[in-house]
């Protein structure tokens, strides 16, 4: 009877935590990686809004930046991959939207 029993809640939390591991990207981690990958000027006019599957959705504040970032998407993807080691980002989708 000296065996300590964990409540079911603790066991479930540990299982869920183990399933998610460090493969999930946090908002702060994505923002920091975006600033480094897109560059200082571009990051002032764009902001990652969501991450669905392996696709990063990024809002931009105008059509000029939408075009410029779309042209540089391949290079930005490469730099994001270097900054987010082990995390998979297969594509970036840009859209005009609010930047905060």
Protein backbone atom coordinates (compact mmCIF):
# COMPACT_ATOMS: atom_id res chain seq x y z
CA UNK A 1 0.00 0.00 0.00
CA UNK A 2 3.02 2.29 -0.01
CA UNK A 3 2.50 2.86 -3.74
CA UNK A 4 1.53 6.47 -4.51
CA UNK A 5 -1.39 6.87 -6.90
CA UNK A 6 -1.75 9.87 -9.19
CA UNK A 7 -5.16 11.35 -9.81
CA UNK A 8 -6.56 10.59 -13.25
CA UNK A 9 -6.40 14.30 -14.12
CA UNK A 10 -2.60 14.35 -13.70
CA UNK A 11 -2.19 11.26 -15.86
CA UNK A 12 -4.31 12.73 -18.66
CA UNK A 13 -2.39 16.03 -18.53
CA UNK A 14 0.93 14.18 -18.81
CA UNK A 15 -0.32 12.15 -21.77
CA UNK A 16 -1.57 15.27 -23.59
CA UNK A 17 1.65 17.11 -22.82
CA UNK A 18 3.68 14.19 -24.16
CA UNK A 19 1.63 14.08 -27.35
CA UNK A 20 2.12 17.79 -28.06
CA UNK A 21 5.76 17.90 -27.05
CA UNK A 22 7.81 20.73 -28.54
CA UNK A 23 6.46 20.24 -32.04
CA UNK A 24 3.89 22.96 -31.47
CA UNK A 25 4.93 26.51 -32.14
CA UNK A 26 4.16 29.24 -29.67
CA UNK A 27 3.04 32.70 -30.78
CA UNK A 28 6.17 34.37 -29.41
CA UNK A 29 8.43 31.83 -31.13
CA UNK A 30 6.69 32.39 -34.47
CA UNK A 31 6.86 36.19 -34.16
CA UNK A 32 10.55 36.17 -33.34
CA UNK A 33 11.31 33.77 -36.21
CA UNK A 34 9.19 35.86 -38.60
CA UNK A 35 11.04 39.07 -37.74
CA UNK A 36 14.37 37.38 -38.42
CA UNK A 37 13.26 35.63 -41.61
CA UNK A 38 11.29 38.47 -43.22
CA UNK A 39 13.63 41.27 -42.16
CA UNK A 40 13.11 44.40 -40.07
CA UNK A 41 11.29 46.49 -42.71
CA UNK A 42 8.97 43.72 -43.85
CA UNK A 43 8.13 42.66 -40.30
CA UNK A 44 6.88 46.21 -39.59
CA UNK A 45 4.31 45.74 -42.37
CA UNK A 46 3.38 42.11 -41.74
CA UNK A 47 2.43 39.86 -38.88
CA UNK A 48 1.81 36.11 -38.58
CA UNK A 49 -1.82 35.59 -37.63
CA UNK A 50 -2.24 31.84 -37.47
CA UNK A 51 -0.55 28.53 -38.05
CA UNK A 52 -2.76 25.80 -39.47
CA UNK A 53 -1.28 22.46 -40.31
CA UNK A 54 2.04 23.35 -41.88
CA UNK A 55 0.83 26.66 -43.34
CA UNK A 56 1.66 30.03 -41.79
CA UNK A 57 -0.98 32.72 -42.44
CA UNK A 58 0.51 36.22 -42.49
CA UNK A 59 -1.37 39.53 -42.61
CA UNK A 60 0.22 42.40 -44.52
CA UNK A 61 -0.81 46.05 -44.44
CA UNK A 62 -0.96 46.71 -48.17
CA UNK A 63 -0.81 45.31 -51.67
CA UNK A 64 2.81 46.44 -52.18
CA UNK A 65 3.98 44.37 -49.23
CA UNK A 66 1.75 41.50 -50.29
CA UNK A 67 3.51 41.44 -53.65
CA UNK A 68 7.03 41.88 -52.23
CA UNK A 69 6.61 39.14 -49.62
CA UNK A 70 5.04 36.78 -52.15
CA UNK A 71 8.04 37.27 -54.44
CA UNK A 72 10.42 36.51 -51.55
CA UNK A 73 8.36 33.64 -50.10
CA UNK A 74 10.80 30.87 -51.06
CA UNK A 75 13.72 32.59 -49.30
CA UNK A 76 11.58 33.47 -46.26
CA UNK A 77 10.49 29.82 -45.97
CA UNK A 78 14.14 28.75 -46.04
CA UNK A 79 15.06 31.23 -43.29
CA UNK A 80 12.06 30.22 -41.17
CA UNK A 81 13.16 26.60 -41.45
CA UNK A 82 16.60 27.56 -40.16
CA UNK A 83 15.16 29.49 -37.22
CA UNK A 84 12.48 26.96 -36.28
CA UNK A 85 14.64 23.87 -36.35
CA UNK A 86 12.61 20.70 -36.43
CA UNK A 87 9.31 22.47 -37.04
CA UNK A 88 7.63 22.02 -40.41
CA UNK A 89 6.35 25.03 -42.31
CA UNK A 90 5.48 23.99 -45.84
CA UNK A 91 3.91 27.21 -47.07
CA UNK A 92 3.13 30.82 -46.24
CA UNK A 93 -0.11 32.47 -47.28
CA UNK A 94 -0.21 36.23 -47.32
CA UNK A 95 -3.38 38.29 -47.06
CA UNK A 96 -4.16 41.95 -46.57
CA UNK A 97 -5.32 42.48 -43.00
CA UNK A 98 -4.84 44.28 -39.75
CA UNK A 99 -1.35 44.61 -38.29
CA UNK A 100 -1.08 45.24 -34.55
